[in-house]
Amino acid sequence: MIDRDLAQLYGVSTKRLNEQVKRNLKRFPTDFMYQLTAEEKEEVVAKCDQLETLKYSAQLPYVFTEYGAIMLACVLNSERAIEVNIQIVRIFTKMREMLLTNQEILLKLEQLERQTLQNTADIQVVFDHLRQLIMPAEQSESRRIGFRRQSEEQ
């Protein structure tokens, strides 16, 4: 997001936002914030109608990543920035709780999978024994039981 939009979001002036950023530069590494070049500024203004007023600004705007937007909520002292910062902390706490809950669920699923694999092996053994009972192995020349006629003996 561009500094002007974030300033509006947090209820401060762009000048105030930029002052706080300059006072807290260590909190804004390049993966949190960077300044647009003149060419990038022209491209952004050409693509985004709501940024038309930037065309006349002599200053090159700062652009903030999501991390930078969160960090701004920490360094700004407006009521809105404080509210946003509190909400961010609450969201992160909920996400952490969800991750822990999901880990427990994943562990239980893994246990069920192991049990299922063991049960599958046990069931396979039962089926193998049933097959042996249903189709006994061929016996070599089984003897007939009972009386035989003379014509059968030959």
C-alpha atoms as a PDB file:
ATOM      1  CA  MET A   1       0.000   0.000   0.000  1.00  0.00           C
ATOM      2  CA  ILE A   2       1.109   3.525  -0.639  1.00  0.00           C
ATOM      3  CA  ASP A   3       1.844   5.812   2.316  1.00  0.00           C
ATOM      4  CA  ARG A   4      -1.087   8.105   1.510  1.00  0.00           C
ATOM      5  CA  ASP A   5      -3.598   5.233   1.656  1.00  0.00           C
ATOM      6  CA  LEU A   6      -2.165   3.886   4.901  1.00  0.00           C
ATOM      7  CA  ALA A   7      -2.197   7.341   6.460  1.00  0.00           C
ATOM      8  CA  GLN A   8      -5.871   7.608   5.628  1.00  0.00           C
ATOM      9  CA  LEU A   9      -6.524   4.108   6.969  1.00  0.00           C
ATOM     10  CA  TYR A  10      -4.793   4.882  10.271  1.00  0.00           C
ATOM     11  CA  GLY A  11      -6.358   8.332  10.618  1.00  0.00           C
ATOM     12  CA  VAL A  12      -3.167  10.402  10.353  1.00  0.00           C
ATOM     13  CA  SER A  13      -1.766  12.766   7.745  1.00  0.00           C
ATOM     14  CA  THR A  14       0.723  11.471   5.202  1.00  0.00           C
ATOM     15  CA  LYS A  15       3.244  13.939   6.606  1.00  0.00           C
ATOM     16  CA  ARG A  16       2.794  12.511  10.132  1.00  0.00           C
ATOM     17  CA  LEU A  17       3.111   8.933   8.832  1.00  0.00           C
ATOM     18  CA  ASN A  18       6.329   9.722   6.966  1.00  0.00           C
ATOM     19  CA  GLU A  19       7.744  11.500  10.039  1.00  0.00           C
ATOM     20  CA  GLN A  20       7.144   8.435  12.176  1.00  0.00           C
ATOM     21  CA  VAL A  21       8.707   6.178   9.567  1.00  0.00           C
ATOM     22  CA  LYS A  22      11.836   8.365   9.410  1.00  0.00           C
ATOM     23  CA  ARG A  23      12.068   8.387  13.218  1.00  0.00           C
ATOM     24  CA  ASN A  24      11.788   4.586  13.288  1.00  0.00           C
ATOM     25  CA  LEU A  25      13.749   3.572  10.174  1.00  0.00           C
ATOM     26  CA  LYS A  26      15.224   0.513  11.913  1.00  0.00           C
ATOM     27  CA  ARG A  27      11.697  -0.905  12.117  1.00  0.00           C
ATOM     28  CA  PHE A  28      11.226  -0.720   8.339  1.00  0.00           C
ATOM     29  CA  PRO A  29      13.702  -2.912   6.437  1.00  0.00           C
ATOM     30  CA  THR A  30      13.374  -3.163   2.660  1.00  0.00           C
ATOM     31  CA  ASP A  31      10.991  -6.126   2.873  1.00  0.00           C
ATOM     32  CA  PHE A  32       8.635  -3.905   4.938  1.00  0.00           C
ATOM     33  CA  MET A  33       8.878  -0.641   2.983  1.00  0.00           C
ATOM     34  CA  TYR A  34      10.589   0.967   0.016  1.00  0.00           C
ATOM     35  CA  GLN A  35      10.353   4.203  -1.932  1.00  0.00           C
ATOM     36  CA  LEU A  36       9.121   4.165  -5.513  1.00  0.00           C
ATOM     37  CA  THR A  37      11.375   5.414  -8.284  1.00  0.00           C
ATOM     38  CA  ALA A  38      10.098   8.180 -10.589  1.00  0.00           C
ATOM     39  CA  GLU A  39       9.318   5.607 -13.295  1.00  0.00           C
ATOM     40  CA  GLU A  40       7.450   3.368 -10.841  1.00  0.00           C
ATOM     41  CA  LYS A  41       5.481   6.365  -9.585  1.00  0.00           C
ATOM     42  CA  GLU A  42       4.429   7.249 -13.151  1.00  0.00           C
ATOM     43  CA  GLU A  43       3.364   3.654 -13.790  1.00  0.00           C
ATOM     44  CA  VAL A  44       1.324   3.465 -10.589  1.00  0.00           C
ATOM     45  CA  VAL A  45      -0.394   6.790 -11.314  1.00  0.00           C
ATOM     46  CA  ALA A  46      -1.176   5.663 -14.867  1.00  0.00           C
ATOM     47  CA  LYS A  47      -2.703   2.370 -13.677  1.00  0.00           C
ATOM     48  CA  CYS A  48      -4.593   3.602 -10.593  1.00  0.00           C
ATOM     49  CA  ASP A  49      -7.085   6.408 -11.092  1.00  0.00           C
ATOM     50  CA  GLN A  50      -7.459   7.049  -7.356  1.00  0.00           C
ATOM     51  CA  LEU A  51      -3.743   7.979  -7.214  1.00  0.00           C
ATOM     52  CA  GLU A  52      -4.117  10.746  -9.822  1.00  0.00           C
ATOM     53  CA  THR A  53      -3.139  13.416  -7.264  1.00  0.00           C
ATOM     54  CA  LEU A  54       0.280  11.741  -6.849  1.00  0.00           C
ATOM     55  CA  LYS A  55       1.127  12.887 -10.374  1.00  0.00           C
ATOM     56  CA  TYR A  56       1.584  16.450  -9.112  1.00  0.00           C
ATOM     57  CA  SER A  57       3.535  15.548  -5.961  1.00  0.00           C
ATOM     58  CA  ALA A  58       7.255  16.295  -5.942  1.00  0.00           C
ATOM     59  CA  GLN A  59       7.815  13.553  -3.354  1.00  0.00           C
ATOM     60  CA  LEU A  60       8.297   9.920  -4.295  1.00  0.00           C
ATOM     61  CA  PRO A  61       5.819   7.849  -2.277  1.00  0.00           C
ATOM     62  CA  TYR A  62       6.730   5.045   0.078  1.00  0.00           C
ATOM     63  CA  VAL A  63       5.171   1.647  -0.476  1.00  0.00           C
ATOM     64  CA  PHE A  64       4.548  -0.738   2.409  1.00  0.00           C
ATOM     65  CA  THR A  65       4.255  -4.493   2.342  1.00  0.00           C
ATOM     66  CA  GLU A  66       1.854  -6.231   4.730  1.00  0.00           C
ATOM     67  CA  TYR A  67       4.664  -6.379   7.307  1.00  0.00           C
ATOM     68  CA  GLY A  68       5.261  -2.668   6.948  1.00  0.00           C
ATOM     69  CA  ALA A  69       1.559  -1.913   7.341  1.00  0.00           C
ATOM     70  CA  ILE A  70       1.560  -3.896  10.591  1.00  0.00           C
ATOM     71  CA  MET A  71       4.692  -2.144  11.805  1.00  0.00           C
ATOM     72  CA  LEU A  72       3.074   1.229  11.057  1.00  0.00           C
ATOM     73  CA  ALA A  73       0.245   0.304  13.400  1.00  0.00           C
ATOM     74  CA  CYS A  74       2.893  -0.084  16.115  1.00  0.00           C
ATOM     75  CA  VAL A  75       4.662   3.245  15.588  1.00  0.00           C
ATOM     76  CA  LEU A  76       1.672   5.491  14.944  1.00  0.00           C
ATOM     77  CA  ASN A  77      -0.201   6.854  17.924  1.00  0.00           C
ATOM     78  CA  SER A  78      -3.606   7.648  16.431  1.00  0.00           C
ATOM     79  CA  GLU A  79      -6.723   6.063  17.937  1.00  0.00           C
ATOM     80  CA  ARG A  80      -7.305   4.130  14.721  1.00  0.00           C
ATOM     81  CA  ALA A  81      -3.698   2.821  14.603  1.00  0.00           C
ATOM     82  CA  ILE A  82      -3.990   1.663  18.209  1.00  0.00           C
ATOM     83  CA  GLU A  83      -7.257  -0.167  17.409  1.00  0.00           C
ATOM     84  CA  VAL A  84      -5.680  -1.814  14.364  1.00  0.00           C
ATOM     85  CA  ASN A  85      -2.627  -2.853  16.383  1.00  0.00           C
ATOM     86  CA  ILE A  86      -4.839  -4.442  19.058  1.00  0.00           C
ATOM     87  CA  GLN A  87      -6.813  -6.312  16.387  1.00  0.00           C
ATOM     88  CA  ILE A  88      -3.595  -7.581  14.804  1.00  0.00           C
ATOM     89  CA  VAL A  89      -2.399  -8.961  18.141  1.00  0.00           C
ATOM     90  CA  ARG A  90      -5.777 -10.661  18.673  1.00  0.00           C
ATOM     91  CA  ILE A  91      -5.723 -12.169  15.193  1.00  0.00           C
ATOM     92  CA  PHE A  92      -2.200 -13.528  15.655  1.00  0.00           C
ATOM     93  CA  THR A  93      -3.192 -15.035  19.000  1.00  0.00           C
ATOM     94  CA  LYS A  94      -6.224 -16.749  17.429  1.00  0.00           C
ATOM     95  CA  MET A  95      -4.078 -18.020  14.551  1.00  0.00           C
ATOM     96  CA  ARG A  96      -1.613 -19.494  17.039  1.00  0.00           C
ATOM     97  CA  GLU A  97      -4.438 -21.223  18.906  1.00  0.00           C
ATOM     98  CA  MET A  98      -5.781 -22.608  15.623  1.00  0.00           C
ATOM     99  CA  LEU A  99      -2.363 -23.942  14.666  1.00  0.00           C
ATOM    100  CA  LEU A 100      -2.038 -25.728  18.007  1.00  0.00           C
ATOM    101  CA  THR A 101      -5.528 -27.195  17.623  1.00  0.00           C
ATOM    102  CA  ASN A 102      -4.720 -28.318  14.090  1.00  0.00           C
ATOM    103  CA  GLN A 103      -1.524 -30.001  15.319  1.00  0.00           C
ATOM    104  CA  GLU A 104      -3.549 -32.008  17.825  1.00  0.00           C
ATOM    105  CA  ILE A 105      -5.997 -33.024  15.099  1.00  0.00           C
ATOM    106  CA  LEU A 106      -3.149 -34.025  12.786  1.00  0.00           C
ATOM    107  CA  LEU A 107      -1.600 -36.178  15.523  1.00  0.00           C
ATOM    108  CA  LYS A 108      -4.921 -37.929  16.123  1.00  0.00           C
ATOM    109  CA  LEU A 109      -5.348 -38.526  12.386  1.00  0.00           C
ATOM    110  CA  GLU A 110      -1.868 -40.019  12.237  1.00  0.00           C
ATOM    111  CA  GLN A 111      -2.724 -42.352  15.136  1.00  0.00           C
ATOM    112  CA  LEU A 112      -5.937 -43.407  13.381  1.00  0.00           C
ATOM    113  CA  GLU A 113      -4.015 -44.062  10.184  1.00  0.00           C
ATOM    114  CA  ARG A 114      -1.548 -46.300  12.027  1.00  0.00           C
ATOM    115  CA  GLN A 115      -4.414 -48.181  13.680  1.00  0.00           C
ATOM    116  CA  THR A 116      -6.158 -48.576  10.335  1.00  0.00           C
ATOM    117  CA  LEU A 117      -3.005 -49.969   8.738  1.00  0.00           C
ATOM    118  CA  GLN A 118      -2.635 -52.465  11.600  1.00  0.00           C
ATOM    119  CA  ASN A 119      -6.329 -53.401  11.351  1.00  0.00           C
ATOM    120  CA  THR A 120      -5.972 -53.848   7.594  1.00  0.00           C
ATOM    121  CA  ALA A 121      -3.081 -56.263   8.137  1.00  0.00           C
ATOM    122  CA  ASP A 122      -5.104 -58.185  10.762  1.00  0.00           C
ATOM    123  CA  ILE A 123      -8.126 -58.371   8.455  1.00  0.00           C
ATOM    124  CA  GLN A 124      -5.906 -59.638   5.638  1.00  0.00           C
ATOM    125  CA  VAL A 125      -4.682 -62.481   7.889  1.00  0.00           C
ATOM    126  CA  VAL A 126      -8.302 -63.406   8.705  1.00  0.00           C
ATOM    127  CA  PHE A 127      -9.207 -63.474   4.989  1.00  0.00           C
ATOM    128  CA  ASP A 128      -6.185 -65.628   4.199  1.00  0.00           C
ATOM    129  CA  HIS A 129      -7.286 -68.175   6.830  1.00  0.00           C
ATOM    130  CA  LEU A 130     -10.859 -68.119   5.518  1.00  0.00           C
ATOM    131  CA  ARG A 131      -9.638 -68.789   1.972  1.00  0.00           C
ATOM    132  CA  GLN A 132      -7.656 -71.762   3.242  1.00  0.00           C
ATOM    133  CA  LEU A 133     -10.756 -73.133   4.945  1.00  0.00           C
ATOM    134  CA  ILE A 134     -12.971 -72.621   1.914  1.00  0.00           C
ATOM    135  CA  MET A 135     -10.499 -73.960  -0.649  1.00  0.00           C
ATOM    136  CA  PRO A 136      -8.273 -76.529   1.004  1.00  0.00           C
ATOM    137  CA  ALA A 137      -5.008 -77.293  -0.717  1.00  0.00           C
ATOM    138  CA  GLU A 138      -5.211 -80.111  -3.265  1.00  0.00           C
ATOM    139  CA  GLN A 139      -4.393 -83.387  -1.653  1.00  0.00           C
ATOM    140  CA  SER A 140      -2.416 -85.961  -3.575  1.00  0.00           C
ATOM    141  CA  GLU A 141      -4.600 -89.024  -4.364  1.00  0.00           C
ATOM    142  CA  SER A 142      -7.018 -88.997  -1.536  1.00  0.00           C
ATOM    143  CA  ARG A 143      -8.432 -92.348  -0.589  1.00  0.00           C
ATOM    144  CA  ARG A 144     -12.100 -92.879  -0.984  1.00  0.00           C
ATOM    145  CA  ILE A 145     -13.966 -94.006   2.023  1.00  0.00           C
ATOM    146  CA  GLY A 146     -16.562 -96.722   1.853  1.00  0.00           C
ATOM    147  CA  PHE A 147     -17.177 -99.826  -0.235  1.00  0.00           C
ATOM    148  CA  ARG A 148     -15.923-100.112  -3.753  1.00  0.00           C
ATOM    149  CA  ARG A 149     -17.245-102.224  -6.494  1.00  0.00           C
ATOM    150  CA  GLN A 150     -14.873-104.507  -8.233  1.00  0.00           C
ATOM    151  CA  SER A 151     -15.132-102.506 -11.422  1.00  0.00           C
ATOM    152  CA  GLU A 152     -13.982 -99.391  -9.549  1.00  0.00           C
ATOM    153  CA  GLU A 153     -10.881-101.018  -8.109  1.00  0.00           C
ATOM    154  CA  GLN A 154      -9.337-101.656 -11.473  1.00  0.00           C
END
